[in-house]
PDB file of N, CA and C in Angstrom:
ATOM      1  N   MET A   1      75.202 -20.859   3.074  1.00  0.00           N
ATOM      2  CA  MET A   1      76.577 -20.740   2.633  1.00  0.00           C
ATOM      3  C   MET A   1      77.051 -19.293   2.725  1.00  0.00           C
ATOM      4  N   HIS A   2      76.249 -18.356   2.245  1.00  0.00           N
ATOM      5  CA  HIS A   2      76.624 -16.947   2.281  1.00  0.00           C
ATOM      6  C   HIS A   2      76.859 -16.500   3.729  1.00  0.00           C
ATOM      7  N   CYS A   3      76.020 -16.953   4.624  1.00  0.00           N
ATOM      8  CA  CYS A   3      76.133 -16.581   6.024  1.00  0.00           C
ATOM      9  C   CYS A   3      77.447 -17.107   6.615  1.00  0.00           C
ATOM     10  N   MET A   4      77.812 -18.338   6.294  1.00  0.00           N
ATOM     11  CA  MET A   4      79.067 -18.909   6.789  1.00  0.00           C
ATOM     12  C   MET A   4      80.267 -18.150   6.239  1.00  0.00           C
ATOM     13  N   LYS A   5      80.202 -17.785   4.976  1.00  0.00           N
ATOM     14  CA  LYS A   5      81.303 -17.025   4.380  1.00  0.00           C
ATOM     15  C   LYS A   5      81.456 -15.697   5.121  1.00  0.00           C
ATOM     16  N   GLY A   6      80.340 -15.050   5.417  1.00  0.00           N
ATOM     17  CA  GLY A   6      80.382 -13.782   6.148  1.00  0.00           C
ATOM     18  C   GLY A   6      80.999 -13.949   7.527  1.00  0.00           C
ATOM     19  N   ARG A   7      80.657 -15.037   8.218  1.00  0.00           N
ATOM     20  CA  ARG A   7      81.227 -15.295   9.539  1.00  0.00           C
ATOM     21  C   ARG A   7      82.722 -15.545   9.459  1.00  0.00           C
ATOM     22  N   ARG A   8      83.158 -16.283   8.439  1.00  0.00           N
ATOM     23  CA  ARG A   8      84.598 -16.529   8.276  1.00  0.00           C
ATOM     24  C   ARG A   8      85.333 -15.218   8.024  1.00  0.00           C
ATOM     25  N   HIS A   9      84.739 -14.349   7.204  1.00  0.00           N
ATOM     26  CA  HIS A   9      85.353 -13.061   6.901  1.00  0.00           C
ATOM     27  C   HIS A   9      85.496 -12.239   8.180  1.00  0.00           C
ATOM     28  N   VAL A  10      84.421 -12.167   8.972  1.00  0.00           N
ATOM     29  CA  VAL A  10      84.462 -11.412  10.225  1.00  0.00           C
ATOM     30  C   VAL A  10      85.513 -12.007  11.151  1.00  0.00           C
ATOM     31  N   ALA A  11      85.592 -13.337  11.235  1.00  0.00           N
ATOM     32  CA  ALA A  11      86.578 -13.985  12.096  1.00  0.00           C
ATOM     33  C   ALA A  11      87.999 -13.628  11.664  1.00  0.00           C
ATOM     34  N   LYS A  12      88.256 -13.619  10.356  1.00  0.00           N
ATOM     35  CA  LYS A  12      89.589 -13.268   9.867  1.00  0.00           C
ATOM     36  C   LYS A  12      89.934 -11.822  10.194  1.00  0.00           C
ATOM     37  N   VAL A  13      88.970 -10.920  10.013  1.00  0.00           N
ATOM     38  CA  VAL A  13      89.212  -9.509  10.309  1.00  0.00           C
ATOM     39  C   VAL A  13      89.444  -9.322  11.803  1.00  0.00           C
ATOM     40  N   GLU A  14      88.640  -9.994  12.633  1.00  0.00           N
ATOM     41  CA  GLU A  14      88.826  -9.880  14.076  1.00  0.00           C
ATOM     42  C   GLU A  14      90.170 -10.458  14.497  1.00  0.00           C
ATOM     43  N   GLU A  15      90.631 -11.501  13.828  1.00  0.00           N
ATOM     44  CA  GLU A  15      91.949 -12.067  14.112  1.00  0.00           C
ATOM     45  C   GLU A  15      93.037 -11.037  13.804  1.00  0.00           C
ATOM     46  N   ARG A  16      92.920 -10.339  12.659  1.00  0.00           N
ATOM     47  CA  ARG A  16      93.893  -9.279  12.315  1.00  0.00           C
ATOM     48  C   ARG A  16      93.835  -8.151  13.331  1.00  0.00           C
ATOM     49  N   GLU A  17      92.609  -7.793  13.774  1.00  0.00           N
ATOM     50  CA  GLU A  17      92.440  -6.730  14.764  1.00  0.00           C
ATOM     51  C   GLU A  17      93.138  -7.112  16.066  1.00  0.00           C
ATOM     52  N   ASN A  18      92.936  -8.336  16.529  1.00  0.00           N
ATOM     53  CA  ASN A  18      93.570  -8.787  17.765  1.00  0.00           C
ATOM     54  C   ASN A  18      95.090  -8.823  17.630  1.00  0.00           C
ATOM     55  N   LYS A  19      95.588  -9.243  16.489  1.00  0.00           N
ATOM     56  CA  LYS A  19      97.032  -9.273  16.243  1.00  0.00           C
ATOM     57  C   LYS A  19      97.593  -7.849  16.284  1.00  0.00           C
ATOM     58  N   ALA A  20      96.869  -6.919  15.699  1.00  0.00           N
ATOM     59  CA  ALA A  20      97.318  -5.520  15.696  1.00  0.00           C
ATOM     60  C   ALA A  20      97.369  -4.971  17.108  1.00  0.00           C
ATOM     61  N   LYS A  21      96.372  -5.319  17.932  1.00  0.00           N
ATOM     62  CA  LYS A  21      96.359  -4.850  19.318  1.00  0.00           C
ATOM     63  C   LYS A  21      97.567  -5.381  20.094  1.00  0.00           C
ATOM     64  N   ARG A  22      98.015  -6.581  19.766  1.00  0.00           N
ATOM     65  CA  ARG A  22      99.161  -7.181  20.450  1.00  0.00           C
ATOM     66  C   ARG A  22     100.479  -6.641  19.900  1.00  0.00           C
ATOM     67  N   GLY A  23     100.427  -5.741  18.952  1.00  0.00           N
ATOM     68  CA  GLY A  23     101.653  -5.160  18.421  1.00  0.00           C
ATOM     69  C   GLY A  23     102.156  -5.852  17.175  1.00  0.00           C
ATOM     70  N   GLY A  24     101.378  -6.748  16.598  1.00  0.00           N
ATOM     71  CA  GLY A  24     101.813  -7.468  15.422  1.00  0.00           C
ATOM     72  C   GLY A  24     101.181  -6.943  14.156  1.00  0.00           C
ATOM     73  N   LEU A  25     100.939  -5.651  14.086  1.00  0.00           N
ATOM     74  CA  LEU A  25     100.305  -5.054  12.913  1.00  0.00           C
ATOM     75  C   LEU A  25     101.154  -5.322  11.677  1.00  0.00           C
ATOM     76  N   THR A  26     100.524  -5.869  10.655  1.00  0.00           N
ATOM     77  CA  THR A  26     101.273  -6.212   9.446  1.00  0.00           C
ATOM     78  C   THR A  26     100.878  -5.345   8.258  1.00  0.00           C
ATOM     79  N   MET A  27     100.031  -4.356   8.485  1.00  0.00           N
ATOM     80  CA  MET A  27      99.642  -3.453   7.407  1.00  0.00           C
ATOM     81  C   MET A  27     100.075  -2.043   7.769  1.00  0.00           C
ATOM     82  N   PRO A  28     100.506  -1.255   6.795  1.00  0.00           N
ATOM     83  CA  PRO A  28     100.855   0.137   7.089  1.00  0.00           C
ATOM     84  C   PRO A  28      99.605   0.937   7.449  1.00  0.00           C
ATOM     85  N   MET A  29      99.786   1.959   8.266  1.00  0.00           N
ATOM     86  CA  MET A  29      98.691   2.822   8.689  1.00  0.00           C
ATOM     87  C   MET A  29      98.851   4.179   8.008  1.00  0.00           C
ATOM     88  N   LEU A  30      97.774   4.682   7.402  1.00  0.00           N
ATOM     89  CA  LEU A  30      97.803   5.993   6.750  1.00  0.00           C
ATOM     90  C   LEU A  30      97.738   7.075   7.819  1.00  0.00           C
ATOM     91  N   MET A  31      98.790   7.860   7.917  1.00  0.00           N
ATOM     92  CA  MET A  31      98.914   8.877   8.952  1.00  0.00           C
ATOM     93  C   MET A  31      98.716  10.269   8.355  1.00  0.00           C
ATOM     94  N   PRO A  32      98.244  11.207   9.203  1.00  0.00           N
ATOM     95  CA  PRO A  32      97.943  12.554   8.701  1.00  0.00           C
ATOM     96  C   PRO A  32      99.170  13.450   8.602  1.00  0.00           C
ATOM     97  N   PRO A  33      99.081  14.460   7.721  1.00  0.00           N
ATOM     98  CA  PRO A  33     100.150  15.471   7.677  1.00  0.00           C
ATOM     99  C   PRO A  33     100.098  16.328   8.943  1.00  0.00           C
ATOM    100  N   SER A  34     101.185  16.999   9.237  1.00  0.00           N
ATOM    101  CA  SER A  34     101.335  17.718  10.513  1.00  0.00           C
ATOM    102  C   SER A  34     100.247  18.762  10.776  1.00  0.00           C
ATOM    103  N   GLN A  35      99.726  19.407   9.750  1.00  0.00           N
ATOM    104  CA  GLN A  35      98.730  20.456  10.000  1.00  0.00           C
ATOM    105  C   GLN A  35      97.420  19.909  10.581  1.00  0.00           C
ATOM    106  N   TYR A  36      97.195  18.605  10.463  1.00  0.00           N
ATOM    107  CA  TYR A  36      95.988  17.987  11.020  1.00  0.00           C
ATOM    108  C   TYR A  36      96.299  17.080  12.208  1.00  0.00           C
ATOM    109  N   ASP A  37      97.571  16.898  12.516  1.00  0.00           N
ATOM    110  CA  ASP A  37      98.001  15.937  13.525  1.00  0.00           C
ATOM    111  C   ASP A  37      98.240  16.627  14.871  1.00  0.00           C
ATOM    112  N   HIS A  38      97.152  17.002  15.525  1.00  0.00           N
ATOM    113  CA  HIS A  38      97.205  17.671  16.827  1.00  0.00           C
ATOM    114  C   HIS A  38      95.871  17.432  17.533  1.00  0.00           C
ATOM    115  N   PRO A  39      95.806  17.659  18.841  1.00  0.00           N
ATOM    116  CA  PRO A  39      94.534  17.469  19.545  1.00  0.00           C
ATOM    117  C   PRO A  39      93.461  18.391  18.967  1.00  0.00           C
ATOM    118  N   PRO A  40      92.260  17.865  18.743  1.00  0.00           N
ATOM    119  CA  PRO A  40      91.181  18.693  18.189  1.00  0.00           C
ATOM    120  C   PRO A  40      90.761  19.817  19.142  1.00  0.00           C
ATOM    121  N   GLN A  41      90.320  20.916  18.565  1.00  0.00           N
ATOM    122  CA  GLN A  41      89.828  22.053  19.334  1.00  0.00           C
ATOM    123  C   GLN A  41      88.337  21.921  19.655  1.00  0.00           C
ATOM    124  N   VAL A  42      87.701  20.911  19.116  1.00  0.00           N
ATOM    125  CA  VAL A  42      86.279  20.671  19.367  1.00  0.00           C
ATOM    126  C   VAL A  42      86.146  19.463  20.291  1.00  0.00           C
ATOM    127  N   PRO A  43      85.021  19.374  21.022  1.00  0.00           N
ATOM    128  CA  PRO A  43      84.817  18.183  21.850  1.00  0.00           C
ATOM    129  C   PRO A  43      84.765  16.921  20.982  1.00  0.00           C
ATOM    130  N   VAL A  44      85.355  15.847  21.489  1.00  0.00           N
ATOM    131  CA  VAL A  44      85.378  14.573  20.773  1.00  0.00           C
ATOM    132  C   VAL A  44      84.586  13.536  21.571  1.00  0.00           C
ATOM    133  N   ILE A  45      83.645  12.897  20.898  1.00  0.00           N
ATOM    134  CA  ILE A  45      82.897  11.779  21.455  1.00  0.00           C
ATOM    135  C   ILE A  45      83.443  10.544  20.749  1.00  0.00           C
ATOM    136  N   GLU A  46      84.087   9.663  21.507  1.00  0.00           N
ATOM    137  CA  GLU A  46      84.799   8.539  20.897  1.00  0.00           C
ATOM    138  C   GLU A  46      84.235   7.212  21.404  1.00  0.00           C
ATOM    139  N   LYS A  47      84.083   6.286  20.473  1.00  0.00           N
ATOM    140  CA  LYS A  47      83.597   4.956  20.837  1.00  0.00           C
ATOM    141  C   LYS A  47      84.478   3.915  20.157  1.00  0.00           C
ATOM    142  N   VAL A  48      85.073   3.026  20.961  1.00  0.00           N
ATOM    143  CA  VAL A  48      85.886   1.922  20.456  1.00  0.00           C
ATOM    144  C   VAL A  48      84.993   0.687  20.453  1.00  0.00           C
ATOM    145  N   VAL A  49      84.882   0.072  19.283  1.00  0.00           N
ATOM    146  CA  VAL A  49      83.940  -1.042  19.110  1.00  0.00           C
ATOM    147  C   VAL A  49      84.596  -2.180  18.329  1.00  0.00           C
ATOM    148  N   PRO A  50      84.009  -3.390  18.384  1.00  0.00           N
ATOM    149  CA  PRO A  50      84.508  -4.487  17.555  1.00  0.00           C
ATOM    150  C   PRO A  50      84.305  -4.170  16.074  1.00  0.00           C
ATOM    151  N   TRP A  51      85.091  -4.839  15.219  1.00  0.00           N
ATOM    152  CA  TRP A  51      85.089  -4.561  13.789  1.00  0.00           C
ATOM    153  C   TRP A  51      83.701  -4.630  13.167  1.00  0.00           C
ATOM    154  N   ASN A  52      82.947  -5.707  13.430  1.00  0.00           N
ATOM    155  CA  ASN A  52      81.643  -5.853  12.764  1.00  0.00           C
ATOM    156  C   ASN A  52      80.674  -4.760  13.195  1.00  0.00           C
ATOM    157  N   GLU A  53      80.741  -4.328  14.437  1.00  0.00           N
ATOM    158  CA  GLU A  53      79.891  -3.235  14.906  1.00  0.00           C
ATOM    159  C   GLU A  53      80.316  -1.917  14.257  1.00  0.00           C
ATOM    160  N   LEU A  54      81.624  -1.735  14.093  1.00  0.00           N
ATOM    161  CA  LEU A  54      82.148  -0.526  13.455  1.00  0.00           C
ATOM    162  C   LEU A  54      81.601  -0.368  12.044  1.00  0.00           C
ATOM    163  N   GLN A  55      81.514  -1.458  11.298  1.00  0.00           N
ATOM    164  CA  GLN A  55      81.016  -1.380   9.925  1.00  0.00           C
ATOM    165  C   GLN A  55      79.579  -0.854   9.913  1.00  0.00           C
ATOM    166  N   ARG A  56      78.785  -1.226  10.915  1.00  0.00           N
ATOM    167  CA  ARG A  56      77.412  -0.704  11.003  1.00  0.00           C
ATOM    168  C   ARG A  56      77.416   0.787  11.344  1.00  0.00           C
ATOM    169  N   PHE A  57      78.253   1.185  12.326  1.00  0.00           N
ATOM    170  CA  PHE A  57      78.327   2.597  12.695  1.00  0.00           C
ATOM    171  C   PHE A  57      78.771   3.462  11.518  1.00  0.00           C
ATOM    172  N   CYS A  58      79.719   2.968  10.756  1.00  0.00           N
ATOM    173  CA  CYS A  58      80.329   3.757   9.682  1.00  0.00           C
ATOM    174  C   CYS A  58      79.659   3.554   8.328  1.00  0.00           C
ATOM    175  N   HIS A  59      78.599   2.777   8.260  1.00  0.00           N
ATOM    176  CA  HIS A  59      77.960   2.432   6.985  1.00  0.00           C
ATOM    177  C   HIS A  59      77.626   3.672   6.142  1.00  0.00           C
ATOM    178  N   GLY A  60      77.053   4.688   6.747  1.00  0.00           N
ATOM    179  CA  GLY A  60      76.681   5.899   6.006  1.00  0.00           C
ATOM    180  C   GLY A  60      77.883   6.577   5.374  1.00  0.00           C
ATOM    181  N   VAL A  61      78.974   6.656   6.123  1.00  0.00           N
ATOM    182  CA  VAL A  61      80.193   7.284   5.613  1.00  0.00           C
ATOM    183  C   VAL A  61      80.777   6.439   4.480  1.00  0.00           C
ATOM    184  N   ILE A  62      80.777   5.116   4.664  1.00  0.00           N
ATOM    185  CA  ILE A  62      81.308   4.210   3.648  1.00  0.00           C
ATOM    186  C   ILE A  62      80.545   4.384   2.338  1.00  0.00           C
ATOM    187  N   GLU A  63      79.225   4.424   2.418  1.00  0.00           N
ATOM    188  CA  GLU A  63      78.394   4.563   1.222  1.00  0.00           C
ATOM    189  C   GLU A  63      78.519   5.957   0.604  1.00  0.00           C
ATOM    190  N   ARG A  64      78.452   6.990   1.442  1.00  0.00           N
ATOM    191  CA  ARG A  64      78.507   8.365   0.945  1.00  0.00           C
ATOM    192  C   ARG A  64      79.804   8.656   0.214  1.00  0.00           C
ATOM    193  N   ASP A  65      80.924   8.254   0.817  1.00  0.00           N
ATOM    194  CA  ASP A  65      82.242   8.567   0.257  1.00  0.00           C
ATOM    195  C   ASP A  65      82.786   7.474  -0.650  1.00  0.00           C
ATOM    196  N   LYS A  66      81.992   6.416  -0.867  1.00  0.00           N
ATOM    197  CA  LYS A  66      82.404   5.296  -1.728  1.00  0.00           C
ATOM    198  C   LYS A  66      83.769   4.764  -1.290  1.00  0.00           C
ATOM    199  N   ILE A  67      83.921   4.576   0.010  1.00  0.00           N
ATOM    200  CA  ILE A  67      85.186   4.130   0.574  1.00  0.00           C
ATOM    201  C   ILE A  67      85.450   2.679   0.194  1.00  0.00           C
ATOM    202  N   ARG A  68      86.636   2.448  -0.308  1.00  0.00           N
ATOM    203  CA  ARG A  68      87.105   1.098  -0.596  1.00  0.00           C
ATOM    204  C   ARG A  68      88.488   0.993   0.019  1.00  0.00           C
ATOM    205  N   THR A  69      88.719  -0.028   0.779  1.00  0.00           N
ATOM    206  CA  THR A  69      90.015  -0.170   1.426  1.00  0.00           C
ATOM    207  C   THR A  69      90.920  -1.054   0.598  1.00  0.00           C
ATOM    208  N   ALA A  70      92.198  -0.954   0.863  1.00  0.00           N
ATOM    209  CA  ALA A  70      93.177  -1.756   0.121  1.00  0.00           C
ATOM    210  C   ALA A  70      92.944  -3.245   0.342  1.00  0.00           C
ATOM    211  N   THR A  71      92.471  -3.604   1.533  1.00  0.00           N
ATOM    212  CA  THR A  71      92.267  -5.019   1.843  1.00  0.00           C
ATOM    213  C   THR A  71      90.879  -5.497   1.457  1.00  0.00           C
ATOM    214  N   GLY A  72      89.963  -4.549   1.233  1.00  0.00           N
ATOM    215  CA  GLY A  72      88.574  -4.923   0.976  1.00  0.00           C
ATOM    216  C   GLY A  72      87.869  -5.386   2.232  1.00  0.00           C
ATOM    217  N   ALA A  73      88.498  -5.181   3.374  1.00  0.00           N
ATOM    218  CA  ALA A  73      87.974  -5.708   4.635  1.00  0.00           C
ATOM    219  C   ALA A  73      87.129  -4.713   5.410  1.00  0.00           C
ATOM    220  N   GLY A  74      86.809  -3.577   4.846  1.00  0.00           N
ATOM    221  CA  GLY A  74      86.035  -2.588   5.579  1.00  0.00           C
ATOM    222  C   GLY A  74      86.945  -1.521   6.177  1.00  0.00           C
ATOM    223  N   VAL A  75      86.350  -0.651   6.973  1.00  0.00           N
ATOM    224  CA  VAL A  75      87.099   0.459   7.559  1.00  0.00           C
ATOM    225  C   VAL A  75      87.530   0.129   8.979  1.00  0.00           C
ATOM    226  N   TRP A  76      88.571   0.811   9.436  1.00  0.00           N
ATOM    227  CA  TRP A  76      89.058   0.643  10.800  1.00  0.00           C
ATOM    228  C   TRP A  76      88.563   1.775  11.691  1.00  0.00           C
ATOM    229  N   GLY A  77      87.932   2.793  11.078  1.00  0.00           N
ATOM    230  CA  GLY A  77      87.384   3.891  11.854  1.00  0.00           C
ATOM    231  C   GLY A  77      86.684   4.878  10.945  1.00  0.00           C
ATOM    232  N   CYS A  78      85.897   5.766  11.562  1.00  0.00           N
ATOM    233  CA  CYS A  78      85.278   6.872  10.834  1.00  0.00           C
ATOM    234  C   CYS A  78      85.064   8.012  11.824  1.00  0.00           C
ATOM    235  N   ALA A  79      84.999   9.222  11.307  1.00  0.00           N
ATOM    236  CA  ALA A  79      84.819  10.403  12.137  1.00  0.00           C
ATOM    237  C   ALA A  79      83.962  11.395  11.384  1.00  0.00           C
ATOM    238  N   GLY A  80      83.188  12.167  12.140  1.00  0.00           N
ATOM    239  CA  GLY A  80      82.366  13.194  11.522  1.00  0.00           C
ATOM    240  C   GLY A  80      82.004  14.288  12.500  1.00  0.00           C
ATOM    241  N   LEU A  81      81.918  15.502  11.996  1.00  0.00           N
ATOM    242  CA  LEU A  81      81.514  16.649  12.816  1.00  0.00           C
ATOM    243  C   LEU A  81      79.997  16.815  12.754  1.00  0.00           C
ATOM    244  N   VAL A  82      79.388  16.900  13.927  1.00  0.00           N
ATOM    245  CA  VAL A  82      77.946  17.111  14.033  1.00  0.00           C
ATOM    246  C   VAL A  82      77.702  18.114  15.156  1.00  0.00           C
ATOM    247  N   LYS A  83      77.127  19.259  14.797  1.00  0.00           N
ATOM    248  CA  LYS A  83      76.775  20.296  15.779  1.00  0.00           C
ATOM    249  C   LYS A  83      77.938  20.661  16.703  1.00  0.00           C
ATOM    250  N   GLY A  84      79.106  20.869  16.097  1.00  0.00           N
ATOM    251  CA  GLY A  84      80.263  21.331  16.851  1.00  0.00           C
ATOM    252  C   GLY A  84      80.991  20.265  17.649  1.00  0.00           C
ATOM    253  N   LYS A  85      80.620  18.993  17.485  1.00  0.00           N
ATOM    254  CA  LYS A  85      81.311  17.902  18.160  1.00  0.00           C
ATOM    255  C   LYS A  85      81.803  16.921  17.106  1.00  0.00           C
ATOM    256  N   CYS A  86      82.937  16.295  17.386  1.00  0.00           N
ATOM    257  CA  CYS A  86      83.462  15.296  16.476  1.00  0.00           C
ATOM    258  C   CYS A  86      83.196  13.915  17.056  1.00  0.00           C
ATOM    259  N   TYR A  87      82.494  13.109  16.290  1.00  0.00           N
ATOM    260  CA  TYR A  87      82.176  11.742  16.696  1.00  0.00           C
ATOM    261  C   TYR A  87      83.145  10.804  16.000  1.00  0.00           C
ATOM    262  N   VAL A  88      83.844   9.996  16.804  1.00  0.00           N
ATOM    263  CA  VAL A  88      84.831   9.051  16.290  1.00  0.00           C
ATOM    264  C   VAL A  88      84.397   7.648  16.689  1.00  0.00           C
ATOM    265  N   PHE A  89      84.321   6.765  15.705  1.00  0.00           N
ATOM    266  CA  PHE A  89      84.070   5.346  15.941  1.00  0.00           C
ATOM    267  C   PHE A  89      85.272   4.619  15.355  1.00  0.00           C
ATOM    268  N   ARG A  90      85.841   3.680  16.126  1.00  0.00           N
ATOM    269  CA  ARG A  90      87.047   3.016  15.653  1.00  0.00           C
ATOM    270  C   ARG A  90      87.253   1.685  16.355  1.00  0.00           C
ATOM    271  N   ILE A  91      88.134   0.868  15.760  1.00  0.00           N
ATOM    272  CA  ILE A  91      88.581  -0.341  16.434  1.00  0.00           C
ATOM    273  C   ILE A  91      89.807   0.026  17.260  1.00  0.00           C
ATOM    274  N   ASP A  92      90.182  -0.851  18.162  1.00  0.00           N
ATOM    275  CA  ASP A  92      91.294  -0.598  19.070  1.00  0.00           C
ATOM    276  C   ASP A  92      92.596  -1.111  18.462  1.00  0.00           C
ATOM    277  N   VAL A  93      93.101  -0.351  17.503  1.00  0.00           N
ATOM    278  CA  VAL A  93      94.337  -0.695  16.798  1.00  0.00           C
ATOM    279  C   VAL A  93      95.231   0.544  16.803  1.00  0.00           C
ATOM    280  N   PRO A  94      96.537   0.356  17.096  1.00  0.00           N
ATOM    281  CA  PRO A  94      97.435   1.514  17.117  1.00  0.00           C
ATOM    282  C   PRO A  94      97.366   2.329  15.821  1.00  0.00           C
ATOM    283  N   GLY A  95      97.339   3.635  15.960  1.00  0.00           N
ATOM    284  CA  GLY A  95      97.348   4.519  14.800  1.00  0.00           C
ATOM    285  C   GLY A  95      95.973   4.945  14.318  1.00  0.00           C
ATOM    286  N   VAL A  96      94.947   4.153  14.575  1.00  0.00           N
ATOM    287  CA  VAL A  96      93.615   4.486  14.060  1.00  0.00           C
ATOM    288  C   VAL A  96      93.074   5.742  14.743  1.00  0.00           C
ATOM    289  N   ARG A  97      93.276   5.867  16.040  1.00  0.00           N
ATOM    290  CA  ARG A  97      92.791   7.050  16.761  1.00  0.00           C
ATOM    291  C   ARG A  97      93.418   8.326  16.176  1.00  0.00           C
ATOM    292  N   ARG A  98      94.719   8.304  16.003  1.00  0.00           N
ATOM    293  CA  ARG A  98      95.434   9.461  15.449  1.00  0.00           C
ATOM    294  C   ARG A  98      94.882   9.832  14.073  1.00  0.00           C
ATOM    295  N   HIS A  99      94.653   8.826  13.228  1.00  0.00           N
ATOM    296  CA  HIS A  99      94.101   9.034  11.889  1.00  0.00           C
ATOM    297  C   HIS A  99      92.721   9.686  11.974  1.00  0.00           C
ATOM    298  N   GLU A 100      91.854   9.144  12.819  1.00  0.00           N
ATOM    299  CA  GLU A 100      90.480   9.661  12.910  1.00  0.00           C
ATOM    300  C   GLU A 100      90.432  11.046  13.537  1.00  0.00           C
ATOM    301  N   LEU A 101      91.261  11.308  14.544  1.00  0.00           N
ATOM    302  CA  LEU A 101      91.275  12.648  15.148  1.00  0.00           C
ATOM    303  C   LEU A 101      91.725  13.701  14.137  1.00  0.00           C
ATOM    304  N   ALA A 102      92.559  13.316  13.191  1.00  0.00           N
ATOM    305  CA  ALA A 102      92.952  14.257  12.134  1.00  0.00           C
ATOM    306  C   ALA A 102      91.743  14.664  11.300  1.00  0.00           C
ATOM    307  N   HIS A 103      90.795  13.743  11.104  1.00  0.00           N
ATOM    308  CA  HIS A 103      89.559  14.110  10.400  1.00  0.00           C
ATOM    309  C   HIS A 103      88.760  15.131  11.218  1.00  0.00           C
ATOM    310  N   CYS A 104      88.802  15.013  12.545  1.00  0.00           N
ATOM    311  CA  CYS A 104      88.154  16.019  13.405  1.00  0.00           C
ATOM    312  C   CYS A 104      88.769  17.396  13.190  1.00  0.00           C
ATOM    313  N   ASN A 105      90.040  17.426  12.799  1.00  0.00           N
ATOM    314  CA  ASN A 105      90.756  18.679  12.553  1.00  0.00           C
ATOM    315  C   ASN A 105      90.646  19.166  11.116  1.00  0.00           C
ATOM    316  N   GLY A 106      89.793  18.495  10.328  1.00  0.00           N
ATOM    317  CA  GLY A 106      89.557  18.971   8.973  1.00  0.00           C
ATOM    318  C   GLY A 106      90.277  18.220   7.870  1.00  0.00           C
ATOM    319  N   TRP A 107      91.009  17.163   8.201  1.00  0.00           N
ATOM    320  CA  TRP A 107      91.690  16.387   7.163  1.00  0.00           C
ATOM    321  C   TRP A 107      90.648  15.774   6.248  1.00  0.00           C
ATOM    322  N   PRO A 108      90.662  16.109   4.954  1.00  0.00           N
ATOM    323  CA  PRO A 108      89.653  15.587   4.028  1.00  0.00           C
ATOM    324  C   PRO A 108      89.709  14.060   3.894  1.00  0.00           C
ATOM    325  N   HIS A 109      88.591  13.491   3.529  1.00  0.00           N
ATOM    326  CA  HIS A 109      88.475  12.036   3.430  1.00  0.00           C
ATOM    327  C   HIS A 109      89.293  11.428   2.290  1.00  0.00           C
ATOM    328  N   ASP A 110      89.781  12.260   1.362  1.00  0.00           N
ATOM    329  CA  ASP A 110      90.658  11.711   0.319  1.00  0.00           C
ATOM    330  C   ASP A 110      92.133  11.735   0.761  1.00  0.00           C
ATOM    331  N   HIS A 111      92.373  12.153   2.006  1.00  0.00           N
ATOM    332  CA  HIS A 111      93.668  12.050   2.681  1.00  0.00           C
ATOM    333  C   HIS A 111      94.846  12.732   1.991  1.00  0.00           C
ATOM    334  N   PRO A 112      94.699  13.994   1.541  1.00  0.00           N
ATOM    335  CA  PRO A 112      95.851  14.654   0.922  1.00  0.00           C
ATOM    336  C   PRO A 112      96.992  14.812   1.929  1.00  0.00           C
ATOM    337  N   GLY A 113      98.204  14.587   1.466  1.00  0.00           N
ATOM    338  CA  GLY A 113      99.384  14.745   2.316  1.00  0.00           C
ATOM    339  C   GLY A 113      99.609  13.600   3.285  1.00  0.00           C
ATOM    340  N   GLY A 114      98.749  12.588   3.242  1.00  0.00           N
ATOM    341  CA  GLY A 114      98.909  11.453   4.143  1.00  0.00           C
ATOM    342  C   GLY A 114     100.155  10.640   3.792  1.00  0.00           C
ATOM    343  N   TRP A 115     100.661   9.930   4.762  1.00  0.00           N
ATOM    344  CA  TRP A 115     101.844   9.108   4.570  1.00  0.00           C
ATOM    345  C   TRP A 115     101.644   7.801   5.336  1.00  0.00           C
ATOM    346  N   TYR A 116     102.336   6.773   4.887  1.00  0.00           N
ATOM    347  CA  TYR A 116     102.166   5.457   5.504  1.00  0.00           C
ATOM    348  C   TYR A 116     103.264   5.181   6.521  1.00  0.00           C
ATOM    349  N   ASP A 117     102.814   4.829   7.725  1.00  0.00           N
ATOM    350  CA  ASP A 117     103.700   4.424   8.798  1.00  0.00           C
ATOM    351  C   ASP A 117     103.906   2.917   8.639  1.00  0.00           C
ATOM    352  N   ALA A 118     105.103   2.523   8.257  1.00  0.00           N
ATOM    353  CA  ALA A 118     105.371   1.106   8.005  1.00  0.00           C
ATOM    354  C   ALA A 118     105.303   0.325   9.315  1.00  0.00           C
ATOM    355  N   PRO A 119     104.664  -0.838   9.294  1.00  0.00           N
ATOM    356  CA  PRO A 119     104.582  -1.652  10.510  1.00  0.00           C
ATOM    357  C   PRO A 119     105.924  -2.271  10.852  1.00  0.00           C
ATOM    358  N   LEU A 120     106.065  -2.606  12.119  1.00  0.00           N
ATOM    359  CA  LEU A 120     107.272  -3.310  12.554  1.00  0.00           C
ATOM    360  C   LEU A 120     107.063  -4.791  12.335  1.00  0.00           C
ATOM    361  N   HIS A 121     108.016  -5.464  11.780  1.00  0.00           N
ATOM    362  CA  HIS A 121     107.889  -6.906  11.536  1.00  0.00           C
ATOM    363  C   HIS A 121     108.799  -7.655  12.473  1.00  0.00           C
TER     364      HIS A 121
END
């Protein structure tokens, strides 16, 4: 039973991800303030992955920072600096790349100055 519930949850999240890719995003995206919203000065290693794989990649960040999302559905991306390079893992949803690249530029994980870009309905 637990396994089936997990599969249903993943299916629902993947359905939302696919809808967002088609331009039907129904959740606001947290966007960075201008001082962090520019191309990073460090090399960026970026990987776009499915939602369930992303949760595995970002597990350490989720646990370390005690990340809880508004939906409870997990994270849409994570970024971290390692040896002068910024590693970005994310799903393919508009706005997520911009959000994660801001972390490469030093935007703290508690998102000070962030603002919500309202989705188009």
